[in-house]
Protein backbone atom coordinates (compact mmCIF):
# COMPACT_ATOMS: atom_id res chain seq x y z
CA MET A 1 33.12 40.62 90.81
CA PRO A 2 32.77 41.93 87.23
CA ALA A 3 30.76 45.12 86.81
CA LEU A 4 27.29 44.84 85.33
CA ARG A 5 27.36 45.17 81.59
CA PRO A 6 24.37 45.72 79.30
CA ARG A 7 22.70 42.50 78.15
CA ARG A 8 25.30 40.30 79.82
CA GLY A 9 25.31 37.59 82.45
CA ASP A 10 28.65 37.25 84.24
CA VAL A 11 29.68 34.78 86.92
CA SER A 12 32.73 35.15 89.13
CA GLY A 13 34.31 33.22 91.96
CA GLY A 14 36.10 34.45 95.06
CA TRP A 15 39.51 33.43 96.39
CA ALA A 16 40.13 31.36 99.48
CA SER A 17 42.99 30.29 101.76
CA VAL A 18 42.95 27.02 103.68
CA GLN A 19 45.22 24.71 105.66
CA ALA A 20 45.58 21.27 104.07
CA GLY A 21 43.19 18.75 105.59
CA GLN A 22 40.54 21.37 106.40
CA PRO A 23 37.26 22.14 104.61
CA CYS A 24 37.29 24.96 102.06
CA SER A 25 34.51 27.19 100.69
CA VAL A 26 34.67 29.56 97.71
CA PRO A 27 31.87 32.09 97.03
CA ILE A 28 30.23 32.25 93.59
CA TYR A 29 28.80 35.59 92.41
CA LEU A 30 26.45 36.41 89.56
CA SER A 31 25.98 39.71 87.71
CA SER A 32 23.04 39.65 85.30
CA SER A 33 21.42 42.46 83.36
CA GLU A 34 18.18 40.68 82.45
CA GLY A 35 17.94 37.87 85.00
CA VAL A 36 19.13 34.24 84.90
CA THR A 37 16.92 31.16 85.32
CA ASN A 38 19.20 28.35 84.15
CA LEU A 39 22.95 28.39 84.78
CA VAL A 40 25.48 25.64 84.02
CA LEU A 41 29.14 26.05 85.03
CA LYS A 42 32.07 23.79 84.22
CA MET A 43 35.37 24.02 86.08
CA ASP A 44 38.63 22.11 86.22
CA TRP A 45 38.85 19.89 89.31
CA PHE A 46 42.00 18.64 91.05
CA SER A 47 40.83 15.44 92.73
CA ASP A 48 44.25 14.87 94.31
CA ARG A 49 43.80 18.13 96.25
CA PHE A 50 40.01 18.43 96.74
CA SER A 51 37.21 15.95 97.40
CA ASN A 52 33.49 15.78 98.29
CA PRO A 53 32.39 18.91 96.39
CA SER A 54 29.01 20.40 97.22
CA PHE A 55 27.17 23.63 96.48
CA SER A 56 25.01 25.52 98.96
CA LEU A 57 22.71 28.32 97.82
CA ALA A 58 22.85 31.72 99.47
CA ALA A 59 19.04 31.81 99.38
CA PRO A 60 17.93 28.13 99.49
CA GLY A 61 14.33 28.82 98.48
CA SER A 62 15.25 30.78 95.37
CA ALA A 63 16.72 27.99 93.19
CA SER A 64 17.76 24.36 92.94
CA ALA A 65 21.42 23.37 92.67
CA SER A 66 23.39 20.24 91.83
CA VAL A 67 27.06 19.31 91.44
CA GLU A 68 28.33 16.55 89.14
CA ASN A 69 31.87 15.37 89.86
CA GLN A 70 33.46 14.15 86.61
CA ILE A 71 36.83 13.49 88.32
CA THR A 72 38.77 16.04 86.24
CA ASN A 73 35.86 18.51 85.97
CA LEU A 74 32.93 19.74 88.02
CA VAL A 75 29.60 20.67 86.47
CA ILE A 76 27.39 22.92 88.60
CA ARG A 77 23.75 23.44 87.62
CA LEU A 78 21.49 26.16 89.05
CA GLN A 79 17.85 26.55 88.05
CA THR A 80 15.03 28.92 89.05
CA THR A 81 11.58 29.77 87.77
CA ALA A 82 11.05 32.89 85.64
CA VAL A 83 9.41 34.57 88.62
CA GLN A 84 12.44 33.86 90.85
CA ALA A 85 15.11 34.73 88.24
CA LEU A 86 18.47 35.78 89.67
CA GLN A 87 18.73 39.52 89.09
CA GLY A 88 21.46 42.14 89.40
CA SER A 89 24.63 41.42 91.39
CA ASN A 90 24.30 38.62 93.91
CA LEU A 91 26.16 36.05 95.96
CA VAL A 92 24.64 32.89 94.46
CA GLY A 93 26.19 30.40 96.87
CA GLN A 94 29.28 28.61 98.13
CA LEU A 95 31.25 25.79 96.51
CA SER A 96 32.60 23.65 99.36
CA SER A 97 35.06 20.77 99.42
CA GLN A 98 37.46 18.88 101.67
CA THR A 99 41.19 19.43 101.10
CA ALA A 100 43.60 16.48 101.10
CA PRO A 101 45.78 16.48 104.26
CA ASN A 102 49.03 15.30 102.61
CA GLN A 103 49.24 17.70 99.68
CA SER A 104 51.98 20.27 99.17
CA SER A 105 51.52 24.00 99.72
CA ALA A 106 50.45 25.72 96.51
CA PHE A 107 48.59 28.53 94.80
CA VAL A 108 45.94 26.43 93.06
CA TYR A 109 44.30 28.20 90.10
CA ILE A 110 41.00 26.70 88.93
CA PRO A 111 39.76 27.85 85.49
CA TRP A 112 36.07 27.58 84.73
CA GLN A 113 33.50 28.68 82.19
CA VAL A 114 29.78 29.25 81.78
CA LEU A 115 28.27 26.59 79.51
CA ILE A 116 24.69 27.87 79.67
CA ALA A 117 23.15 31.08 81.03
CA SER A 118 19.45 31.42 80.19
CA LYS A 119 17.24 34.50 80.45
CA PRO A 120 13.71 34.28 81.89
CA GLU A 121 12.13 34.30 78.41
CA GLY A 122 14.34 31.41 77.28
CA SER A 123 17.09 33.02 75.20
CA LEU A 124 20.77 32.67 76.12
CA TYR A 125 23.35 35.21 77.19
CA ALA A 126 26.05 35.45 74.51
CA ASN A 127 29.79 35.05 75.02
CA PRO A 128 30.05 34.45 78.78
CA VAL A 129 33.50 35.43 80.05
CA PRO A 130 35.74 32.58 81.35
CA GLU A 131 36.88 33.05 84.94
CA MET A 132 39.53 31.79 87.34
CA GLU A 133 39.26 30.86 90.99
CA ARG A 134 42.25 30.59 93.32
CA VAL A 135 42.67 28.55 96.47
CA VAL A 136 45.85 28.95 98.51
CA VAL A 137 46.59 25.64 100.23
CA VAL A 138 49.09 25.74 103.12
CA ASN A 139 50.83 22.64 104.42
CA ASP A 140 54.54 21.76 104.36
CA VAL A 141 56.04 25.17 103.54
CA PRO A 142 54.81 28.79 103.87
CA LEU A 143 53.92 30.86 100.82
CA MET A 144 54.06 34.58 100.11
CA GLU A 145 53.26 37.13 97.42
CA PRO A 146 53.60 40.92 97.01
CA ASN A 147 50.44 42.97 97.38
CA SER A 148 51.57 46.62 97.19
CA ARG A 149 54.48 49.04 97.29
CA ALA A 150 54.55 52.66 98.47
CA GLY A 151 57.95 54.35 98.63
CA ALA A 152 60.29 52.34 100.87
CA ASN A 153 57.43 50.20 102.21
CA MET A 154 56.60 46.95 100.46
CA GLY A 155 53.46 45.00 101.27
CA LEU A 156 53.65 41.22 101.39
CA THR A 157 50.99 38.63 102.09
CA PHE A 158 52.17 35.55 104.00
CA TYR A 159 50.35 32.21 104.03
CA GLY A 160 51.31 29.81 106.81
CA ARG A 161 50.18 27.41 109.50
CA MET A 162 48.50 29.22 112.36
CA GLY A 163 50.64 29.32 115.50
CA ALA A 164 53.90 28.71 113.63
CA THR A 165 56.82 31.16 113.78
CA TYR A 166 58.32 32.30 110.47
CA GLN A 167 61.24 34.44 109.42
CA LEU A 168 61.41 36.62 106.32
CA GLN A 169 64.89 36.71 104.80
CA SER A 170 66.20 38.89 101.97
CA LEU A 171 69.06 39.12 99.53
CA ALA A 172 69.69 42.28 97.52
CA ASP A 173 72.09 40.76 94.96
CA VAL A 174 71.20 37.22 93.91
CA GLY A 175 74.44 36.89 91.95
CA GLY A 176 76.64 38.13 94.78
CA GLN A 177 78.44 36.36 97.62
CA GLU A 178 76.42 37.71 100.54
CA ALA A 179 74.15 35.47 102.59
CA LEU A 180 70.45 35.87 103.16
CA GLN A 181 69.74 38.36 105.92
CA PRO A 182 66.78 38.19 108.35
CA LEU A 183 64.29 41.04 107.93
CA LEU A 184 61.64 40.09 110.47
CA SER A 185 60.20 37.22 112.49
CA TYR A 186 56.54 36.80 113.35
CA VAL A 187 53.90 34.35 114.57
CA GLN A 188 51.19 33.39 112.06
CA THR A 189 47.87 34.35 113.71
CA ASN A 190 45.73 33.85 110.59
CA ILE A 191 46.29 31.58 107.63
CA GLN A 192 46.57 34.74 105.48
CA GLN A 193 48.49 37.65 106.95
CA ALA A 194 49.53 40.99 105.42
CA VAL A 195 52.83 42.57 106.50
CA SER A 196 54.49 45.86 105.57
CA VAL A 197 58.26 45.60 105.13
CA ASP A 198 60.49 48.67 105.40
CA THR A 199 63.18 48.21 102.77
CA THR A 200 65.26 50.61 100.69
CA GLN A 201 66.07 47.95 98.11
CA PRO A 202 64.20 48.50 94.81
CA GLN A 203 64.36 44.78 94.13
CA GLY A 204 65.77 41.61 95.60
CA PHE A 205 65.18 38.01 96.60
CA TYR A 206 62.93 37.18 99.54
CA ARG A 207 62.44 33.87 101.33
CA LEU A 208 59.99 32.88 104.05
CA VAL A 209 61.08 30.01 106.32
CA GLN A 210 59.67 28.38 109.44
CA GLN A 211 61.78 28.73 112.58
């Protein structure tokens, strides 16, 4: 979530991981310096991957919310009274949807922007910062990404189908003649799983495959 900044109203979204065919929810946060009573967000929408969008408020009595599905875009509207203005740093609510069961595994980045952010006395926040959500969808193949490195230990995050067994393979010299070598095998107990790999190679090629 962005830090509070003087005379600003910032909105940010969280990241989520989901298995294809399952429901998905992404949290939406608000940081406001002077309160927000009317908020309109517009985000890209991938209708081949997500359907049935809805928005649920973290505090249902504090505001009204609506979602308009424009096929390629979503427009989310939140409105409160001046007395109930959204103040400080808050979880505003959750954007929920159903993921398509036959889609490919992917890191899906969803850009969005604030169209309107009104203060309680009616003026607008200037220059809202565009944001990006990310949903990791897992289906046909596993995914992975680096998350840290400390000395000979490299941190990787694996995304896979729960209950499946995967093997991490490595290759130090991509241009050489050697074959990929197994580094470790594991069972995916959560859709998102962090693993520390002990390797002395400063760089190389890594592949995650299902066994």
